[in-house]
Amino acid sequence: MKLCKNWRLLIAIIAFSGFVAATVATVFLFLDKKKKDEEDLEHYLDCSIQ
């Protein structure tokens, strides 16, 4: 019975770690895309003014 609980705990920890890693990766990708979009917009505006 105790071994079964240990396995459940281990699986829960692994699943939670995967969730945290996916969340962090999503945030970094979102911020990187936002920064790139802002740079592209700035470049477009600079070129359209000239």
C-alpha atoms as a PDB file:
ATOM      1  CA  MET A   1       0.000   0.000   0.000  1.00  0.00           C
ATOM      2  CA  LYS A   2       2.802   2.435   0.896  1.00  0.00           C
ATOM      3  CA  LEU A   3       4.662   1.643  -2.340  1.00  0.00           C
ATOM      4  CA  CYS A   4       1.543   2.508  -4.320  1.00  0.00           C
ATOM      5  CA  LYS A   5       1.332   5.908  -2.622  1.00  0.00           C
ATOM      6  CA  ASN A   6       5.008   6.569  -3.371  1.00  0.00           C
ATOM      7  CA  TRP A   7       4.453   5.863  -7.068  1.00  0.00           C
ATOM      8  CA  ARG A   8       1.443   8.171  -7.148  1.00  0.00           C
ATOM      9  CA  LEU A   9       3.467  10.908  -5.492  1.00  0.00           C
ATOM     10  CA  LEU A  10       6.336  10.429  -7.942  1.00  0.00           C
ATOM     11  CA  ILE A  11       3.980  10.585 -10.929  1.00  0.00           C
ATOM     12  CA  ALA A  12       2.319  13.699  -9.511  1.00  0.00           C
ATOM     13  CA  ILE A  13       5.695  15.407  -9.033  1.00  0.00           C
ATOM     14  CA  ILE A  14       6.778  14.555 -12.575  1.00  0.00           C
ATOM     15  CA  ALA A  15       3.470  15.780 -14.012  1.00  0.00           C
ATOM     16  CA  PHE A  16       3.677  19.018 -12.033  1.00  0.00           C
ATOM     17  CA  SER A  17       7.271  19.565 -13.169  1.00  0.00           C
ATOM     18  CA  GLY A  18       6.185  19.117 -16.784  1.00  0.00           C
ATOM     19  CA  PHE A  19       3.361  21.587 -16.260  1.00  0.00           C
ATOM     20  CA  VAL A  20       5.735  24.185 -14.800  1.00  0.00           C
ATOM     21  CA  ALA A  21       8.261  23.689 -17.607  1.00  0.00           C
ATOM     22  CA  ALA A  22       5.572  24.058 -20.275  1.00  0.00           C
ATOM     23  CA  THR A  23       4.227  27.204 -18.626  1.00  0.00           C
ATOM     24  CA  VAL A  24       7.674  28.803 -18.409  1.00  0.00           C
ATOM     25  CA  ALA A  25       8.426  27.930 -22.034  1.00  0.00           C
ATOM     26  CA  THR A  26       5.103  29.399 -23.157  1.00  0.00           C
ATOM     27  CA  VAL A  27       5.740  32.650 -21.295  1.00  0.00           C
ATOM     28  CA  PHE A  28       9.222  33.017 -22.778  1.00  0.00           C
ATOM     29  CA  LEU A  29       7.965  32.296 -26.304  1.00  0.00           C
ATOM     30  CA  PHE A  30       5.122  34.784 -25.884  1.00  0.00           C
ATOM     31  CA  LEU A  31       7.454  37.525 -24.647  1.00  0.00           C
ATOM     32  CA  ASP A  32       9.956  36.836 -27.429  1.00  0.00           C
ATOM     33  CA  LYS A  33       7.232  37.001 -30.082  1.00  0.00           C
ATOM     34  CA  LYS A  34       5.864  40.229 -28.587  1.00  0.00           C
ATOM     35  CA  LYS A  35       9.338  41.794 -28.669  1.00  0.00           C
ATOM     36  CA  LYS A  36       9.860  40.697 -32.286  1.00  0.00           C
ATOM     37  CA  ASP A  37       6.476  42.084 -33.322  1.00  0.00           C
ATOM     38  CA  GLU A  38       7.303  45.427 -31.702  1.00  0.00           C
ATOM     39  CA  GLU A  39      10.652  45.547 -33.501  1.00  0.00           C
ATOM     40  CA  ASP A  40       8.984  44.723 -36.824  1.00  0.00           C
ATOM     41  CA  LEU A  41       6.382  47.433 -36.266  1.00  0.00           C
ATOM     42  CA  GLU A  42       9.065  49.974 -35.377  1.00  0.00           C
ATOM     43  CA  HIS A  43      11.037  49.055 -38.508  1.00  0.00           C
ATOM     44  CA  TYR A  44       7.902  49.325 -40.651  1.00  0.00           C
ATOM     45  CA  LEU A  45       7.049  52.737 -39.217  1.00  0.00           C
ATOM     46  CA  ASP A  46      10.598  54.002 -39.716  1.00  0.00           C
ATOM     47  CA  CYS A  47      10.604  52.843 -43.328  1.00  0.00           C
ATOM     48  CA  SER A  48       7.163  54.250 -44.085  1.00  0.00           C
ATOM     49  CA  ILE A  49       8.118  57.696 -42.764  1.00  0.00           C
ATOM     50  CA  GLN A  50      11.127  57.950 -45.084  1.00  0.00           C
END
